[in-house]
C-alpha atoms as a PDB file:
ATOM      1  CA  MET A   1    -151.001  29.734 -14.245  1.00  0.00           C
ATOM      2  CA  ILE A   2    -147.249  29.037 -14.345  1.00  0.00           C
ATOM      3  CA  ILE A   3    -145.051  32.032 -15.181  1.00  0.00           C
ATOM      4  CA  ASN A   4    -141.798  30.143 -15.601  1.00  0.00           C
ATOM      5  CA  SER A   5    -140.526  26.750 -14.469  1.00  0.00           C
ATOM      6  CA  LYS A   6    -140.187  27.960 -10.848  1.00  0.00           C
ATOM      7  CA  THR A   7    -142.931  30.560 -10.371  1.00  0.00           C
ATOM      8  CA  GLU A   8    -146.663  29.962 -10.186  1.00  0.00           C
ATOM      9  CA  LEU A   9    -149.248  32.662  -9.676  1.00  0.00           C
ATOM     10  CA  ALA A  10    -151.182  32.465  -6.431  1.00  0.00           C
ATOM     11  CA  ASN A  11    -154.741  31.394  -7.031  1.00  0.00           C
ATOM     12  CA  ARG A  12    -157.595  33.807  -6.455  1.00  0.00           C
ATOM     13  CA  TRP A  13    -158.976  32.017  -3.396  1.00  0.00           C
ATOM     14  CA  THR A  14    -155.604  32.011  -1.658  1.00  0.00           C
ATOM     15  CA  ARG A  15    -155.248  35.742  -2.287  1.00  0.00           C
ATOM     16  CA  LEU A  16    -158.754  36.284  -0.917  1.00  0.00           C
ATOM     17  CA  GLY A  17    -157.945  34.179   2.149  1.00  0.00           C
ATOM     18  CA  ALA A  18    -154.798  36.193   2.846  1.00  0.00           C
ATOM     19  CA  SER A  19    -156.758  39.412   2.484  1.00  0.00           C
ATOM     20  CA  ILE A  20    -159.409  38.181   4.938  1.00  0.00           C
ATOM     21  CA  ILE A  21    -156.740  37.213   7.495  1.00  0.00           C
ATOM     22  CA  ASP A  22    -155.024  40.598   7.145  1.00  0.00           C
ATOM     23  CA  SER A  23    -158.358  42.433   7.374  1.00  0.00           C
ATOM     24  CA  PHE A  24    -159.318  40.561  10.545  1.00  0.00           C
ATOM     25  CA  ILE A  25    -155.970  41.375  12.187  1.00  0.00           C
ATOM     26  CA  HIS A  26    -156.361  45.011  11.143  1.00  0.00           C
ATOM     27  CA  LEU A  27    -159.908  45.223  12.472  1.00  0.00           C
ATOM     28  CA  VAL A  28    -158.848  43.846  15.865  1.00  0.00           C
ATOM     29  CA  LEU A  29    -156.063  46.433  16.064  1.00  0.00           C
ATOM     30  CA  MET A  30    -158.295  49.294  14.917  1.00  0.00           C
ATOM     31  CA  LEU A  31    -161.313  48.598  17.156  1.00  0.00           C
ATOM     32  CA  PRO A  32    -159.868  50.323  20.247  1.00  0.00           C
ATOM     33  CA  ILE A  33    -159.034  53.415  18.169  1.00  0.00           C
ATOM     34  CA  LEU A  34    -162.447  53.423  16.496  1.00  0.00           C
ATOM     35  CA  SER A  35    -164.067  53.160  19.914  1.00  0.00           C
ATOM     36  CA  TYR A  36    -161.862  55.762  21.602  1.00  0.00           C
ATOM     37  CA  THR A  37    -162.457  58.322  18.835  1.00  0.00           C
ATOM     38  CA  HIS A  38    -166.225  57.586  18.842  1.00  0.00           C
ATOM     39  CA  PHE A  39    -166.007  56.672  15.157  1.00  0.00           C
ATOM     40  CA  ILE A  40    -168.136  53.592  15.899  1.00  0.00           C
ATOM     41  CA  ASP A  41    -170.807  55.843  17.437  1.00  0.00           C
ATOM     42  CA  TYR A  42    -171.124  57.789  14.189  1.00  0.00           C
ATOM     43  CA  ILE A  43    -171.536  54.583  12.211  1.00  0.00           C
ATOM     44  CA  ARG A  44    -174.028  53.140  14.701  1.00  0.00           C
ATOM     45  CA  ASP A  45    -176.071  56.353  14.645  1.00  0.00           C
ATOM     46  CA  LYS A  46    -175.912  56.450  10.813  1.00  0.00           C
ATOM     47  CA  GLU A  47    -174.220  59.844  10.905  1.00  0.00           C
ATOM     48  CA  SER A  48    -171.281  61.068   8.887  1.00  0.00           C
ATOM     49  CA  PRO A  49    -168.171  61.513  11.005  1.00  0.00           C
ATOM     50  CA  PRO A  50    -166.315  64.839  10.681  1.00  0.00           C
ATOM     51  CA  VAL A  51    -163.842  64.971   7.791  1.00  0.00           C
ATOM     52  CA  GLU A  52    -160.952  65.464  10.236  1.00  0.00           C
ATOM     53  CA  LEU A  53    -161.878  62.240  12.005  1.00  0.00           C
ATOM     54  CA  LEU A  54    -162.186  60.363   8.711  1.00  0.00           C
ATOM     55  CA  LEU A  55    -158.745  61.552   7.619  1.00  0.00           C
ATOM     56  CA  THR A  56    -157.241  60.725  11.016  1.00  0.00           C
ATOM     57  CA  ILE A  57    -158.692  57.207  10.975  1.00  0.00           C
ATOM     58  CA  MET A  58    -157.559  56.679   7.385  1.00  0.00           C
ATOM     59  CA  VAL A  59    -153.964  57.758   8.113  1.00  0.00           C
ATOM     60  CA  LEU A  60    -153.779  55.867  11.417  1.00  0.00           C
ATOM     61  CA  GLY A  61    -155.275  52.788   9.794  1.00  0.00           C
ATOM     62  CA  PHE A  62    -152.729  52.866   6.979  1.00  0.00           C
ATOM     63  CA  LEU A  63    -149.811  53.344   9.387  1.00  0.00           C
ATOM     64  CA  ILE A  64    -151.014  50.570  11.698  1.00  0.00           C
ATOM     65  CA  TYR A  65    -151.455  48.206   8.745  1.00  0.00           C
ATOM     66  CA  ILE A  66    -147.914  48.884   7.523  1.00  0.00           C
ATOM     67  CA  ALA A  67    -146.427  48.653  11.035  1.00  0.00           C
ATOM     68  CA  THR A  68    -148.225  45.343  11.632  1.00  0.00           C
ATOM     69  CA  HIS A  69    -146.831  43.764   8.476  1.00  0.00           C
ATOM     70  CA  TYR A  70    -143.530  45.682   8.246  1.00  0.00           C
ATOM     71  CA  TYR A  71    -141.205  42.785   9.044  1.00  0.00           C
ATOM     72  CA  PHE A  72    -142.776  40.356   6.568  1.00  0.00           C
ATOM     73  CA  ILE A  73    -143.169  42.958   3.806  1.00  0.00           C
ATOM     74  CA  LYS A  74    -139.530  43.991   4.190  1.00  0.00           C
ATOM     75  CA  LYS A  75    -138.217  40.431   4.356  1.00  0.00           C
ATOM     76  CA  ASN A  76    -140.245  38.569   1.701  1.00  0.00           C
ATOM     77  CA  GLY A  77    -142.916  40.821   0.211  1.00  0.00           C
ATOM     78  CA  GLN A  78    -145.582  39.290   2.438  1.00  0.00           C
ATOM     79  CA  THR A  79    -148.230  40.293   4.921  1.00  0.00           C
ATOM     80  CA  ILE A  80    -149.096  37.975   7.795  1.00  0.00           C
ATOM     81  CA  GLY A  81    -151.958  36.512   5.752  1.00  0.00           C
ATOM     82  CA  LYS A  82    -149.708  35.966   2.743  1.00  0.00           C
ATOM     83  CA  LYS A  83    -147.063  34.369   4.991  1.00  0.00           C
ATOM     84  CA  LEU A  84    -149.622  31.970   6.496  1.00  0.00           C
ATOM     85  CA  LEU A  85    -150.979  31.019   3.059  1.00  0.00           C
ATOM     86  CA  LYS A  86    -147.532  30.778   1.449  1.00  0.00           C
ATOM     87  CA  ILE A  87    -147.798  33.503  -1.165  1.00  0.00           C
ATOM     88  CA  ARG A  88    -145.866  36.730  -1.702  1.00  0.00           C
ATOM     89  CA  VAL A  89    -145.682  39.869  -3.812  1.00  0.00           C
ATOM     90  CA  GLU A  90    -143.021  39.920  -6.506  1.00  0.00           C
ATOM     91  CA  ASN A  91    -142.029  42.563  -8.996  1.00  0.00           C
ATOM     92  CA  ILE A  92    -142.680  41.615 -12.606  1.00  0.00           C
ATOM     93  CA  THR A  93    -139.083  40.483 -13.105  1.00  0.00           C
ATOM     94  CA  GLY A  94    -139.534  37.795 -10.462  1.00  0.00           C
ATOM     95  CA  GLY A  95    -137.676  39.280  -7.495  1.00  0.00           C
ATOM     96  CA  VAL A  96    -139.117  40.153  -4.118  1.00  0.00           C
ATOM     97  CA  ALA A  97    -140.928  43.447  -4.446  1.00  0.00           C
ATOM     98  CA  SER A  98    -139.284  46.145  -2.350  1.00  0.00           C
ATOM     99  CA  PHE A  99    -140.910  47.542   0.766  1.00  0.00           C
ATOM    100  CA  ASN A 100    -141.326  50.961  -0.889  1.00  0.00           C
ATOM    101  CA  LEU A 101    -142.880  49.454  -4.016  1.00  0.00           C
ATOM    102  CA  ILE A 102    -145.385  47.438  -1.988  1.00  0.00           C
ATOM    103  CA  VAL A 103    -146.291  50.210   0.438  1.00  0.00           C
ATOM    104  CA  PHE A 104    -146.290  53.304  -1.754  1.00  0.00           C
ATOM    105  CA  LYS A 105    -147.310  51.997  -5.176  1.00  0.00           C
ATOM    106  CA  ARG A 106    -149.411  48.995  -4.236  1.00  0.00           C
ATOM    107  CA  TYR A 107    -151.111  49.712  -0.883  1.00  0.00           C
ATOM    108  CA  LEU A 108    -151.211  53.493  -0.944  1.00  0.00           C
ATOM    109  CA  PHE A 109    -152.654  53.384  -4.473  1.00  0.00           C
ATOM    110  CA  ILE A 110    -155.641  51.243  -3.513  1.00  0.00           C
ATOM    111  CA  THR A 111    -156.110  53.123  -0.224  1.00  0.00           C
ATOM    112  CA  ALA A 112    -156.272  56.426  -2.115  1.00  0.00           C
ATOM    113  CA  ILE A 113    -158.622  55.026  -4.763  1.00  0.00           C
ATOM    114  CA  SER A 114    -160.999  53.520  -2.200  1.00  0.00           C
ATOM    115  CA  SER A 115    -161.075  56.796  -0.256  1.00  0.00           C
ATOM    116  CA  LEU A 116    -162.447  58.864  -3.125  1.00  0.00           C
ATOM    117  CA  PRO A 117    -165.859  60.291  -2.231  1.00  0.00           C
ATOM    118  CA  ALA A 118    -168.847  58.725  -3.993  1.00  0.00           C
ATOM    119  CA  ILE A 119    -166.874  56.475  -6.362  1.00  0.00           C
ATOM    120  CA  GLY A 120    -164.182  55.004  -4.103  1.00  0.00           C
ATOM    121  CA  VAL A 121    -166.169  51.961  -3.038  1.00  0.00           C
ATOM    122  CA  PHE A 122    -167.168  51.278  -6.646  1.00  0.00           C
ATOM    123  CA  LEU A 123    -163.565  51.538  -7.879  1.00  0.00           C
ATOM    124  CA  SER A 124    -162.365  49.347  -5.018  1.00  0.00           C
ATOM    125  CA  VAL A 125    -164.844  46.637  -6.013  1.00  0.00           C
ATOM    126  CA  ILE A 126    -163.696  46.849  -9.632  1.00  0.00           C
ATOM    127  CA  ASP A 127    -160.083  46.522  -8.441  1.00  0.00           C
ATOM    128  CA  GLY A 128    -160.963  43.311  -6.613  1.00  0.00           C
ATOM    129  CA  LEU A 129    -162.998  41.881  -9.496  1.00  0.00           C
ATOM    130  CA  LEU A 130    -160.114  42.340 -11.919  1.00  0.00           C
ATOM    131  CA  ILE A 131    -158.475  39.343 -10.244  1.00  0.00           C
ATOM    132  CA  PHE A 132    -160.659  37.230 -12.546  1.00  0.00           C
ATOM    133  CA  ARG A 133    -158.554  38.245 -15.541  1.00  0.00           C
ATOM    134  CA  ASP A 134    -156.235  35.590 -16.997  1.00  0.00           C
ATOM    135  CA  ASN A 135    -153.176  37.155 -15.349  1.00  0.00           C
ATOM    136  CA  HIS A 136    -154.866  37.194 -11.873  1.00  0.00           C
ATOM    137  CA  GLN A 137    -153.886  40.842 -11.430  1.00  0.00           C
ATOM    138  CA  CYS A 138    -155.871  43.713  -9.935  1.00  0.00           C
ATOM    139  CA  TRP A 139    -155.419  47.408 -10.686  1.00  0.00           C
ATOM    140  CA  HIS A 140    -153.075  47.788  -7.751  1.00  0.00           C
ATOM    141  CA  ASP A 141    -150.903  44.998  -9.226  1.00  0.00           C
ATOM    142  CA  ASP A 142    -150.891  46.719 -12.628  1.00  0.00           C
ATOM    143  CA  PHE A 143    -150.062  50.113 -11.119  1.00  0.00           C
ATOM    144  CA  ALA A 144    -147.219  48.767  -8.972  1.00  0.00           C
ATOM    145  CA  GLN A 145    -146.057  46.282 -11.634  1.00  0.00           C
ATOM    146  CA  THR A 146    -146.279  43.405  -9.177  1.00  0.00           C
ATOM    147  CA  ARG A 147    -147.788  39.941  -9.078  1.00  0.00           C
ATOM    148  CA  VAL A 148    -148.694  37.572  -6.279  1.00  0.00           C
ATOM    149  CA  VAL A 149    -147.106  34.137  -6.503  1.00  0.00           C
ATOM    150  CA  LYS A 150    -146.897  30.919  -4.544  1.00  0.00           C
ATOM    151  CA  TYR A 151    -143.953  30.951  -2.149  1.00  0.00           C
ATOM    152  CA  THR A 152    -142.735  28.314   0.267  1.00  0.00           C
END
């Protein structure tokens, strides 16, 4: 879908690819922490980790994700995956979305939603499935008033 003569929305598969790349990078960075804190042991043993550990992992994970992508988010509204696949996050007026907009309204929103007990996973799936709307936007795009576009 073309927004104006210069801007074209990123297609769904490219957005998915960028998300997979970013998730893989994040997993590699988080594995030592998950191992050190014995979080993996809880999962392996099918036990619930203590709430304090869950909150610690959630906060550390969020901070590590932002630190990993800080430079590209700040510069062009991109994560490493978005940079590699030549897409970026824009505000709805067409400019590069600010770091604060991306981090606090876009990423923190979906992180908070997905962390809700019992319904978080369900809501997170719905967020992802909303990409199949005509405007290619998920809830986190709507909430932050952003869109993901092709960018060279």
